[in-house]
Amino acid sequence: GVALSFAGAEESLIVAADPVQSRDALSHVIRNAVEVSPAGGTVTVRVESRGGHAAIVVEDAGPGPNPAEVDHLFDPFFSGRAAGRGRGLG
């Protein structure tokens, strides 16, 4: 019950990144966005050029992180979910 919207950058971008790791990380972030979005919501994924760098933006209509978890969002293997349910990607 959640729509996905994709938009590319206005210009061609060259990205130096590991394709497997990038795919895995992005798929986990998108899956998380879909899971926290309410029914009928939309998850938007877009690529932007920011000062010569590529940025991948994922937006959802979920509630956002719990304020107590914000300081740990980029800690390796942190998950705000119950044990065994999260993917450990913040």
Protein backbone atom coordinates (compact mmCIF):
# COMPACT_ATOMS: atom_id res chain seq x y z
CA GLY A 1 0.00 0.00 0.00
CA VAL A 2 2.96 2.39 -0.43
CA ALA A 3 3.86 4.01 -3.75
CA LEU A 4 7.47 4.36 -4.92
CA SER A 5 8.58 7.41 -6.88
CA PHE A 6 11.98 7.67 -8.60
CA ALA A 7 13.66 10.72 -10.14
CA GLY A 8 17.09 10.96 -11.71
CA ALA A 9 19.49 13.88 -11.70
CA GLU A 10 19.09 16.64 -14.24
CA GLU A 11 22.62 15.99 -15.49
CA SER A 12 24.80 12.93 -16.00
CA LEU A 13 26.79 12.01 -12.91
CA ILE A 14 29.83 9.77 -12.57
CA VAL A 15 29.95 7.94 -9.25
CA ALA A 16 32.95 6.05 -7.89
CA ALA A 17 31.41 3.52 -5.51
CA ASP A 18 31.24 -0.21 -4.94
CA PRO A 19 28.10 -1.27 -6.83
CA VAL A 20 27.29 -4.22 -4.56
CA GLN A 21 27.66 -2.28 -1.31
CA SER A 22 25.78 0.70 -2.75
CA ARG A 23 22.92 -1.52 -3.93
CA ASP A 24 22.71 -3.30 -0.58
CA ALA A 25 22.73 -0.10 1.48
CA LEU A 26 20.20 1.63 -0.76
CA SER A 27 17.86 -1.36 -0.84
CA HIS A 28 17.87 -1.51 2.97
CA VAL A 29 17.16 2.22 3.29
CA ILE A 30 14.30 2.01 0.76
CA ARG A 31 12.87 -1.10 2.46
CA ASN A 32 12.95 0.69 5.81
CA ALA A 33 11.21 3.72 4.28
CA VAL A 34 8.45 1.52 2.85
CA GLU A 35 7.99 -0.31 6.16
CA VAL A 36 7.58 2.89 8.22
CA SER A 37 5.33 4.70 5.73
CA PRO A 38 1.59 4.61 6.36
CA ALA A 39 -0.72 2.85 3.91
CA GLY A 40 -1.34 5.13 0.96
CA GLY A 41 1.96 6.94 1.55
CA THR A 42 4.76 7.53 -0.92
CA VAL A 43 8.48 6.82 -0.73
CA THR A 44 10.46 9.10 -3.01
CA VAL A 45 13.97 8.24 -4.20
CA ARG A 46 15.88 10.83 -6.19
CA VAL A 47 19.41 11.53 -7.30
CA GLU A 48 20.70 15.08 -7.01
CA SER A 49 23.90 16.85 -7.95
CA ARG A 50 25.26 18.78 -4.98
CA GLY A 51 28.41 20.76 -5.61
CA GLY A 52 29.90 18.19 -7.96
CA HIS A 53 28.84 15.25 -5.79
CA ALA A 54 25.95 12.87 -6.24
CA ALA A 55 23.40 12.60 -3.45
CA ILE A 56 20.76 9.90 -3.20
CA VAL A 57 17.77 11.17 -1.24
CA VAL A 58 15.14 8.82 0.19
CA GLU A 59 12.05 10.46 1.69
CA ASP A 60 9.13 8.78 3.40
CA ALA A 61 6.08 9.74 5.44
CA GLY A 62 7.12 7.77 8.51
CA PRO A 63 7.36 9.23 12.01
CA GLY A 64 11.15 9.64 11.94
CA PRO A 65 13.61 8.36 14.51
CA ASN A 66 12.92 8.33 18.22
CA PRO A 67 14.77 11.35 19.74
CA ALA A 68 16.71 9.01 22.05
CA GLU A 69 18.06 7.11 19.01
CA VAL A 70 19.22 10.08 16.92
CA ASP A 71 22.76 10.12 18.36
CA HIS A 72 23.23 6.47 17.35
CA LEU A 73 21.80 6.46 13.82
CA PHE A 74 25.21 6.14 12.18
CA ASP A 75 26.70 3.71 14.72
CA PRO A 76 27.61 0.42 12.99
CA PHE A 77 24.97 -2.26 13.51
CA PHE A 78 22.65 0.04 15.48
CA SER A 79 18.95 -0.65 15.07
CA GLY A 80 16.00 0.95 16.80
CA ARG A 81 13.97 -2.20 16.22
CA ALA A 82 13.49 -5.24 18.43
CA ALA A 83 16.41 -7.68 18.48
CA GLY A 84 16.59 -9.75 15.31
CA ARG A 85 14.21 -7.50 13.38
CA GLY A 86 16.48 -4.67 12.23
CA ARG A 87 19.16 -4.64 9.57
CA GLY A 88 21.64 -2.64 11.66
CA LEU A 89 21.90 0.24 9.20
CA GLY A 90 20.48 2.97 11.44
